[in-house]
PDB file of N, CA and C in Angstrom:
ATOM      1  N   MET A   1      12.489 -13.145 -25.476  1.00  0.00           N
ATOM      2  CA  MET A   1      13.757 -13.834 -25.543  1.00  0.00           C
ATOM      3  C   MET A   1      13.485 -15.275 -25.964  1.00  0.00           C
ATOM      4  N   ASN A   2      14.212 -15.734 -26.929  1.00  0.00           N
ATOM      5  CA  ASN A   2      14.100 -17.116 -27.384  1.00  0.00           C
ATOM      6  C   ASN A   2      15.230 -17.945 -26.781  1.00  0.00           C
ATOM      7  N   PHE A   3      14.937 -19.163 -26.480  1.00  0.00           N
ATOM      8  CA  PHE A   3      15.974 -20.072 -26.002  1.00  0.00           C
ATOM      9  C   PHE A   3      15.628 -21.498 -26.400  1.00  0.00           C
ATOM     10  N   ARG A   4      16.640 -22.344 -26.424  1.00  0.00           N
ATOM     11  CA  ARG A   4      16.467 -23.763 -26.777  1.00  0.00           C
ATOM     12  C   ARG A   4      16.739 -24.621 -25.553  1.00  0.00           C
ATOM     13  N   LEU A   5      15.913 -25.621 -25.397  1.00  0.00           N
ATOM     14  CA  LEU A   5      16.153 -26.615 -24.356  1.00  0.00           C
ATOM     15  C   LEU A   5      17.161 -27.639 -24.867  1.00  0.00           C
ATOM     16  N   SER A   6      17.602 -28.483 -23.978  1.00  0.00           N
ATOM     17  CA  SER A   6      18.620 -29.470 -24.359  1.00  0.00           C
ATOM     18  C   SER A   6      18.114 -30.441 -25.427  1.00  0.00           C
ATOM     19  N   ASP A   7      16.778 -30.601 -25.524  1.00  0.00           N
ATOM     20  CA  ASP A   7      16.262 -31.516 -26.556  1.00  0.00           C
ATOM     21  C   ASP A   7      16.075 -30.815 -27.901  1.00  0.00           C
ATOM     22  N   GLY A   8      16.443 -29.521 -27.973  1.00  0.00           N
ATOM     23  CA  GLY A   8      16.384 -28.797 -29.237  1.00  0.00           C
ATOM     24  C   GLY A   8      15.106 -28.022 -29.475  1.00  0.00           C
ATOM     25  N   THR A   9      14.112 -28.128 -28.591  1.00  0.00           N
ATOM     26  CA  THR A   9      12.866 -27.400 -28.802  1.00  0.00           C
ATOM     27  C   THR A   9      13.041 -25.933 -28.449  1.00  0.00           C
ATOM     28  N   LYS A  10      12.402 -25.075 -29.268  1.00  0.00           N
ATOM     29  CA  LYS A  10      12.477 -23.628 -29.037  1.00  0.00           C
ATOM     30  C   LYS A  10      11.357 -23.199 -28.089  1.00  0.00           C
ATOM     31  N   HIS A  11      11.683 -22.271 -27.213  1.00  0.00           N
ATOM     32  CA  HIS A  11      10.697 -21.714 -26.293  1.00  0.00           C
ATOM     33  C   HIS A  11      10.918 -20.218 -26.168  1.00  0.00           C
ATOM     34  N   LYS A  12       9.882 -19.515 -25.792  1.00  0.00           N
ATOM     35  CA  LYS A  12       9.978 -18.075 -25.545  1.00  0.00           C
ATOM     36  C   LYS A  12       9.732 -17.827 -24.071  1.00  0.00           C
ATOM     37  N   SER A  13      10.391 -16.823 -23.555  1.00  0.00           N
ATOM     38  CA  SER A  13      10.157 -16.442 -22.156  1.00  0.00           C
ATOM     39  C   SER A  13       9.853 -14.952 -22.101  1.00  0.00           C
ATOM     40  N   MET A  14       9.131 -14.583 -21.061  1.00  0.00           N
ATOM     41  CA  MET A  14       8.766 -13.193 -20.885  1.00  0.00           C
ATOM     42  C   MET A  14       8.715 -12.910 -19.390  1.00  0.00           C
ATOM     43  N   ALA A  15       9.035 -11.680 -19.017  1.00  0.00           N
ATOM     44  CA  ALA A  15       8.990 -11.285 -17.607  1.00  0.00           C
ATOM     45  C   ALA A  15       8.278  -9.943 -17.494  1.00  0.00           C
ATOM     46  N   VAL A  16       7.514  -9.789 -16.440  1.00  0.00           N
ATOM     47  CA  VAL A  16       6.828  -8.533 -16.148  1.00  0.00           C
ATOM     48  C   VAL A  16       7.266  -8.089 -14.762  1.00  0.00           C
ATOM     49  N   PHE A  17       7.749  -6.866 -14.654  1.00  0.00           N
ATOM     50  CA  PHE A  17       8.203  -6.333 -13.381  1.00  0.00           C
ATOM     51  C   PHE A  17       7.305  -5.172 -12.981  1.00  0.00           C
ATOM     52  N   VAL A  18       6.854  -5.175 -11.748  1.00  0.00           N
ATOM     53  CA  VAL A  18       5.991  -4.122 -11.230  1.00  0.00           C
ATOM     54  C   VAL A  18       6.680  -3.507 -10.019  1.00  0.00           C
ATOM     55  N   ASP A  19       6.840  -2.205 -10.035  1.00  0.00           N
ATOM     56  CA  ASP A  19       7.497  -1.499  -8.943  1.00  0.00           C
ATOM     57  C   ASP A  19       6.429  -0.971  -7.996  1.00  0.00           C
ATOM     58  N   LEU A  20       6.329  -1.536  -6.797  1.00  0.00           N
ATOM     59  CA  LEU A  20       5.310  -1.143  -5.822  1.00  0.00           C
ATOM     60  C   LEU A  20       5.884  -0.331  -4.660  1.00  0.00           C
ATOM     61  N   ARG A  21       7.092   0.199  -4.818  1.00  0.00           N
ATOM     62  CA  ARG A  21       7.715   0.914  -3.703  1.00  0.00           C
ATOM     63  C   ARG A  21       6.892   2.098  -3.227  1.00  0.00           C
ATOM     64  N   LYS A  22       6.312   2.854  -4.128  1.00  0.00           N
ATOM     65  CA  LYS A  22       5.537   4.036  -3.754  1.00  0.00           C
ATOM     66  C   LYS A  22       4.042   3.742  -3.608  1.00  0.00           C
ATOM     67  N   ALA A  23       3.629   2.520  -3.855  1.00  0.00           N
ATOM     68  CA  ALA A  23       2.206   2.184  -3.853  1.00  0.00           C
ATOM     69  C   ALA A  23       1.560   2.399  -2.490  1.00  0.00           C
ATOM     70  N   PHE A  24       2.266   2.104  -1.406  1.00  0.00           N
ATOM     71  CA  PHE A  24       1.709   2.283  -0.072  1.00  0.00           C
ATOM     72  C   PHE A  24       1.418   3.759   0.206  1.00  0.00           C
ATOM     73  N   ASP A  25       2.146   4.659  -0.457  1.00  0.00           N
ATOM     74  CA  ASP A  25       1.950   6.094  -0.248  1.00  0.00           C
ATOM     75  C   ASP A  25       0.734   6.639  -0.980  1.00  0.00           C
ATOM     76  N   THR A  26       0.113   5.852  -1.836  1.00  0.00           N
ATOM     77  CA  THR A  26      -1.001   6.347  -2.641  1.00  0.00           C
ATOM     78  C   THR A  26      -2.373   5.939  -2.116  1.00  0.00           C
ATOM     79  N   VAL A  27      -2.434   5.198  -1.041  1.00  0.00           N
ATOM     80  CA  VAL A  27      -3.720   4.738  -0.503  1.00  0.00           C
ATOM     81  C   VAL A  27      -4.455   5.922   0.124  1.00  0.00           C
ATOM     82  N   HIS A  28      -5.679   6.180  -0.338  1.00  0.00           N
ATOM     83  CA  HIS A  28      -6.497   7.266   0.203  1.00  0.00           C
ATOM     84  C   HIS A  28      -7.255   6.757   1.425  1.00  0.00           C
ATOM     85  N   HIS A  29      -7.084   7.437   2.536  1.00  0.00           N
ATOM     86  CA  HIS A  29      -7.696   6.988   3.794  1.00  0.00           C
ATOM     87  C   HIS A  29      -9.213   6.933   3.716  1.00  0.00           C
ATOM     88  N   SER A  30      -9.839   7.982   3.179  1.00  0.00           N
ATOM     89  CA  SER A  30     -11.304   8.013   3.158  1.00  0.00           C
ATOM     90  C   SER A  30     -11.869   6.890   2.293  1.00  0.00           C
ATOM     91  N   LEU A  31     -11.232   6.604   1.174  1.00  0.00           N
ATOM     92  CA  LEU A  31     -11.713   5.507   0.324  1.00  0.00           C
ATOM     93  C   LEU A  31     -11.526   4.154   0.999  1.00  0.00           C
ATOM     94  N   LEU A  32     -10.406   3.998   1.693  1.00  0.00           N
ATOM     95  CA  LEU A  32     -10.162   2.743   2.403  1.00  0.00           C
ATOM     96  C   LEU A  32     -11.178   2.550   3.523  1.00  0.00           C
ATOM     97  N   ILE A  33     -11.473   3.598   4.262  1.00  0.00           N
ATOM     98  CA  ILE A  33     -12.459   3.512   5.347  1.00  0.00           C
ATOM     99  C   ILE A  33     -13.829   3.148   4.781  1.00  0.00           C
ATOM    100  N   LYS A  34     -14.209   3.802   3.694  1.00  0.00           N
ATOM    101  CA  LYS A  34     -15.507   3.503   3.067  1.00  0.00           C
ATOM    102  C   LYS A  34     -15.573   2.039   2.630  1.00  0.00           C
ATOM    103  N   LYS A  35     -14.493   1.551   2.038  1.00  0.00           N
ATOM    104  CA  LYS A  35     -14.463   0.162   1.581  1.00  0.00           C
ATOM    105  C   LYS A  35     -14.509  -0.813   2.756  1.00  0.00           C
ATOM    106  N   LEU A  36     -13.777  -0.496   3.825  1.00  0.00           N
ATOM    107  CA  LEU A  36     -13.797  -1.358   5.008  1.00  0.00           C
ATOM    108  C   LEU A  36     -15.200  -1.453   5.597  1.00  0.00           C
ATOM    109  N   MET A  37     -15.920  -0.347   5.584  1.00  0.00           N
ATOM    110  CA  MET A  37     -17.258  -0.323   6.176  1.00  0.00           C
ATOM    111  C   MET A  37     -18.300  -0.988   5.278  1.00  0.00           C
ATOM    112  N   THR A  38     -18.264  -0.682   3.974  1.00  0.00           N
ATOM    113  CA  THR A  38     -19.336  -1.148   3.091  1.00  0.00           C
ATOM    114  C   THR A  38     -19.106  -2.548   2.533  1.00  0.00           C
ATOM    115  N   GLU A  39     -17.911  -2.818   2.065  1.00  0.00           N
ATOM    116  CA  GLU A  39     -17.661  -4.102   1.419  1.00  0.00           C
ATOM    117  C   GLU A  39     -17.246  -5.206   2.382  1.00  0.00           C
ATOM    118  N   TYR A  40     -16.508  -4.825   3.434  1.00  0.00           N
ATOM    119  CA  TYR A  40     -15.981  -5.844   4.335  1.00  0.00           C
ATOM    120  C   TYR A  40     -16.680  -5.865   5.695  1.00  0.00           C
ATOM    121  N   HIS A  41     -17.597  -4.923   5.919  1.00  0.00           N
ATOM    122  CA  HIS A  41     -18.402  -4.864   7.145  1.00  0.00           C
ATOM    123  C   HIS A  41     -17.543  -4.943   8.409  1.00  0.00           C
ATOM    124  N   ILE A  42     -16.475  -4.147   8.410  1.00  0.00           N
ATOM    125  CA  ILE A  42     -15.571  -4.099   9.560  1.00  0.00           C
ATOM    126  C   ILE A  42     -16.276  -3.384  10.709  1.00  0.00           C
ATOM    127  N   GLU A  43     -16.060  -3.873  11.896  1.00  0.00           N
ATOM    128  CA  GLU A  43     -16.696  -3.319  13.094  1.00  0.00           C
ATOM    129  C   GLU A  43     -16.288  -1.861  13.312  1.00  0.00           C
ATOM    130  N   PRO A  44     -17.208  -1.042  13.838  1.00  0.00           N
ATOM    131  CA  PRO A  44     -16.915   0.382  14.070  1.00  0.00           C
ATOM    132  C   PRO A  44     -15.727   0.624  15.002  1.00  0.00           C
ATOM    133  N   TRP A  45     -15.476  -0.250  15.955  1.00  0.00           N
ATOM    134  CA  TRP A  45     -14.350  -0.031  16.859  1.00  0.00           C
ATOM    135  C   TRP A  45     -13.024  -0.072  16.115  1.00  0.00           C
ATOM    136  N   PHE A  46     -12.931  -0.933  15.066  1.00  0.00           N
ATOM    137  CA  PHE A  46     -11.703  -0.968  14.281  1.00  0.00           C
ATOM    138  C   PHE A  46     -11.578   0.274  13.414  1.00  0.00           C
ATOM    139  N   ILE A  47     -12.689   0.732  12.870  1.00  0.00           N
ATOM    140  CA  ILE A  47     -12.669   1.952  12.054  1.00  0.00           C
ATOM    141  C   ILE A  47     -12.186   3.123  12.906  1.00  0.00           C
ATOM    142  N   ASN A  48     -12.614   3.188  14.170  1.00  0.00           N
ATOM    143  CA  ASN A  48     -12.152   4.259  15.064  1.00  0.00           C
ATOM    144  C   ASN A  48     -10.646   4.165  15.305  1.00  0.00           C
ATOM    145  N   ILE A  49     -10.135   2.967  15.498  1.00  0.00           N
ATOM    146  CA  ILE A  49      -8.688   2.800  15.678  1.00  0.00           C
ATOM    147  C   ILE A  49      -7.950   3.236  14.420  1.00  0.00           C
ATOM    148  N   PHE A  50      -8.449   2.828  13.289  1.00  0.00           N
ATOM    149  CA  PHE A  50      -7.833   3.210  12.022  1.00  0.00           C
ATOM    150  C   PHE A  50      -7.815   4.727  11.872  1.00  0.00           C
ATOM    151  N   ASN A  51      -8.936   5.375  12.192  1.00  0.00           N
ATOM    152  CA  ASN A  51      -8.995   6.836  12.101  1.00  0.00           C
ATOM    153  C   ASN A  51      -7.962   7.496  12.998  1.00  0.00           C
ATOM    154  N   LYS A  52      -7.805   6.994  14.199  1.00  0.00           N
ATOM    155  CA  LYS A  52      -6.828   7.572  15.126  1.00  0.00           C
ATOM    156  C   LYS A  52      -5.402   7.398  14.620  1.00  0.00           C
ATOM    157  N   LEU A  53      -5.132   6.272  13.970  1.00  0.00           N
ATOM    158  CA  LEU A  53      -3.788   6.014  13.466  1.00  0.00           C
ATOM    159  C   LEU A  53      -3.445   6.827  12.220  1.00  0.00           C
ATOM    160  N   TYR A  54      -4.414   7.021  11.332  1.00  0.00           N
ATOM    161  CA  TYR A  54      -4.106   7.563  10.018  1.00  0.00           C
ATOM    162  C   TYR A  54      -4.627   8.962   9.736  1.00  0.00           C
ATOM    163  N   ARG A  55      -5.511   9.494  10.519  1.00  0.00           N
ATOM    164  CA  ARG A  55      -6.011  10.852  10.275  1.00  0.00           C
ATOM    165  C   ARG A  55      -5.053  11.887  10.837  1.00  0.00           C
ATOM    166  N   ASN A  56      -4.963  13.008  10.171  1.00  0.00           N
ATOM    167  CA  ASN A  56      -4.147  14.151  10.602  1.00  0.00           C
ATOM    168  C   ASN A  56      -2.695  13.776  10.853  1.00  0.00           C
ATOM    169  N   ARG A  57      -2.144  12.921  10.032  1.00  0.00           N
ATOM    170  CA  ARG A  57      -0.735  12.532  10.160  1.00  0.00           C
ATOM    171  C   ARG A  57       0.146  13.614   9.570  1.00  0.00           C
ATOM    172  N   THR A  58       1.292  13.806  10.161  1.00  0.00           N
ATOM    173  CA  THR A  58       2.266  14.769   9.661  1.00  0.00           C
ATOM    174  C   THR A  58       3.652  14.139   9.686  1.00  0.00           C
ATOM    175  N   PHE A  59       4.555  14.764   8.964  1.00  0.00           N
ATOM    176  CA  PHE A  59       5.948  14.338   9.017  1.00  0.00           C
ATOM    177  C   PHE A  59       6.841  15.556   9.028  1.00  0.00           C
ATOM    178  N   LYS A  60       8.030  15.374   9.525  1.00  0.00           N
ATOM    179  CA  LYS A  60       8.998  16.457   9.645  1.00  0.00           C
ATOM    180  C   LYS A  60      10.331  15.959   9.108  1.00  0.00           C
ATOM    181  N   ILE A  61      10.921  16.763   8.251  1.00  0.00           N
ATOM    182  CA  ILE A  61      12.233  16.432   7.722  1.00  0.00           C
ATOM    183  C   ILE A  61      13.265  16.890   8.739  1.00  0.00           C
ATOM    184  N   SER A  62      14.224  16.034   9.028  1.00  0.00           N
ATOM    185  CA  SER A  62      15.209  16.375  10.064  1.00  0.00           C
ATOM    186  C   SER A  62      15.937  17.678   9.717  1.00  0.00           C
ATOM    187  N   ASN A  63      16.342  18.396  10.740  1.00  0.00           N
ATOM    188  CA  ASN A  63      17.054  19.667  10.645  1.00  0.00           C
ATOM    189  C   ASN A  63      16.188  20.815  10.141  1.00  0.00           C
ATOM    190  N   THR A  64      14.879  20.639  10.092  1.00  0.00           N
ATOM    191  CA  THR A  64      13.972  21.740   9.745  1.00  0.00           C
ATOM    192  C   THR A  64      12.867  21.788  10.787  1.00  0.00           C
ATOM    193  N   SER A  65      12.183  22.908  10.854  1.00  0.00           N
ATOM    194  CA  SER A  65      11.082  23.033  11.795  1.00  0.00           C
ATOM    195  C   SER A  65       9.732  22.894  11.110  1.00  0.00           C
ATOM    196  N   GLU A  66       9.742  22.728   9.786  1.00  0.00           N
ATOM    197  CA  GLU A  66       8.487  22.618   9.045  1.00  0.00           C
ATOM    198  C   GLU A  66       7.832  21.258   9.264  1.00  0.00           C
ATOM    199  N   VAL A  67       6.531  21.283   9.473  1.00  0.00           N
ATOM    200  CA  VAL A  67       5.737  20.062   9.597  1.00  0.00           C
ATOM    201  C   VAL A  67       4.846  19.996   8.366  1.00  0.00           C
ATOM    202  N   HIS A  68       4.848  18.856   7.696  1.00  0.00           N
ATOM    203  CA  HIS A  68       4.091  18.678   6.461  1.00  0.00           C
ATOM    204  C   HIS A  68       2.972  17.668   6.678  1.00  0.00           C
ATOM    205  N   PRO A  69       1.812  17.917   6.063  1.00  0.00           N
ATOM    206  CA  PRO A  69       0.721  16.932   6.188  1.00  0.00           C
ATOM    207  C   PRO A  69       1.042  15.671   5.406  1.00  0.00           C
ATOM    208  N   PHE A  70       0.501  14.592   5.869  1.00  0.00           N
ATOM    209  CA  PHE A  70       0.684  13.285   5.243  1.00  0.00           C
ATOM    210  C   PHE A  70      -0.711  12.712   5.012  1.00  0.00           C
ATOM    211  N   PRO A  71      -1.445  13.262   4.019  1.00  0.00           N
ATOM    212  CA  PRO A  71      -2.868  12.933   3.877  1.00  0.00           C
ATOM    213  C   PRO A  71      -3.169  11.535   3.351  1.00  0.00           C
ATOM    214  N   ASN A  72      -2.242  10.945   2.629  1.00  0.00           N
ATOM    215  CA  ASN A  72      -2.467   9.626   2.036  1.00  0.00           C
ATOM    216  C   ASN A  72      -1.363   8.681   2.474  1.00  0.00           C
ATOM    217  N   GLY A  73      -1.642   7.410   2.321  1.00  0.00           N
ATOM    218  CA  GLY A  73      -0.612   6.421   2.577  1.00  0.00           C
ATOM    219  C   GLY A  73      -0.852   5.611   3.829  1.00  0.00           C
ATOM    220  N   ILE A  74      -0.196   4.477   3.847  1.00  0.00           N
ATOM    221  CA  ILE A  74      -0.277   3.542   4.967  1.00  0.00           C
ATOM    222  C   ILE A  74       1.140   3.339   5.479  1.00  0.00           C
ATOM    223  N   CYS A  75       1.276   3.234   6.787  1.00  0.00           N
ATOM    224  CA  CYS A  75       2.595   3.019   7.391  1.00  0.00           C
ATOM    225  C   CYS A  75       3.190   1.723   6.851  1.00  0.00           C
ATOM    226  N   GLN A  76       4.355   1.821   6.300  1.00  0.00           N
ATOM    227  CA  GLN A  76       5.019   0.615   5.822  1.00  0.00           C
ATOM    228  C   GLN A  76       5.722  -0.050   6.989  1.00  0.00           C
ATOM    229  N   GLY A  77       5.618  -1.337   7.047  1.00  0.00           N
ATOM    230  CA  GLY A  77       6.275  -2.083   8.093  1.00  0.00           C
ATOM    231  C   GLY A  77       5.381  -2.424   9.265  1.00  0.00           C
ATOM    232  N   SER A  78       4.178  -1.862   9.296  1.00  0.00           N
ATOM    233  CA  SER A  78       3.269  -2.215  10.376  1.00  0.00           C
ATOM    234  C   SER A  78       2.624  -3.567  10.068  1.00  0.00           C
ATOM    235  N   ALA A  79       2.045  -4.170  11.068  1.00  0.00           N
ATOM    236  CA  ALA A  79       1.447  -5.493  10.897  1.00  0.00           C
ATOM    237  C   ALA A  79       0.259  -5.466   9.945  1.00  0.00           C
ATOM    238  N   LEU A  80      -0.458  -4.356   9.876  1.00  0.00           N
ATOM    239  CA  LEU A  80      -1.646  -4.281   9.049  1.00  0.00           C
ATOM    240  C   LEU A  80      -1.400  -3.690   7.667  1.00  0.00           C
ATOM    241  N   SER A  81      -0.233  -3.142   7.409  1.00  0.00           N
ATOM    242  CA  SER A  81      -0.026  -2.391   6.182  1.00  0.00           C
ATOM    243  C   SER A  81      -0.252  -3.227   4.920  1.00  0.00           C
ATOM    244  N   SER A  82       0.246  -4.429   4.879  1.00  0.00           N
ATOM    245  CA  SER A  82       0.062  -5.266   3.692  1.00  0.00           C
ATOM    246  C   SER A  82      -1.399  -5.619   3.483  1.00  0.00           C
ATOM    247  N   LEU A  83      -2.086  -5.929   4.555  1.00  0.00           N
ATOM    248  CA  LEU A  83      -3.501  -6.268   4.452  1.00  0.00           C
ATOM    249  C   LEU A  83      -4.321  -5.067   3.998  1.00  0.00           C
ATOM    250  N   LEU A  84      -4.104  -3.911   4.611  1.00  0.00           N
ATOM    251  CA  LEU A  84      -4.854  -2.704   4.231  1.00  0.00           C
ATOM    252  C   LEU A  84      -4.546  -2.303   2.788  1.00  0.00           C
ATOM    253  N   PHE A  85      -3.319  -2.430   2.373  1.00  0.00           N
ATOM    254  CA  PHE A  85      -2.964  -2.112   0.980  1.00  0.00           C
ATOM    255  C   PHE A  85      -3.694  -3.045   0.019  1.00  0.00           C
ATOM    256  N   SER A  86      -3.762  -4.314   0.365  1.00  0.00           N
ATOM    257  CA  SER A  86      -4.429  -5.288  -0.508  1.00  0.00           C
ATOM    258  C   SER A  86      -5.924  -5.004  -0.633  1.00  0.00           C
ATOM    259  N   LEU A  87      -6.526  -4.542   0.456  1.00  0.00           N
ATOM    260  CA  LEU A  87      -7.951  -4.246   0.420  1.00  0.00           C
ATOM    261  C   LEU A  87      -8.207  -3.051  -0.454  1.00  0.00           C
TER     262      LEU A  87
END
């Protein structure tokens, strides 16, 4: 998009939009655990907490009895979710 300023000079503008709504759902737990251990040297007690929170997760759609596995992803809205996603 071209536009002119009040002094008559021409300028161009550009915008880049990135949709990260589904990005939290794509985090692989095993890769994140490996990275936390090898690159960031996170203590084993935290890795155990992480495993308890994120391993063998399931979800259920209301009004059905089916339980579905939730193998990837980080809980959105938790205190650690943004940090873990960034790592």
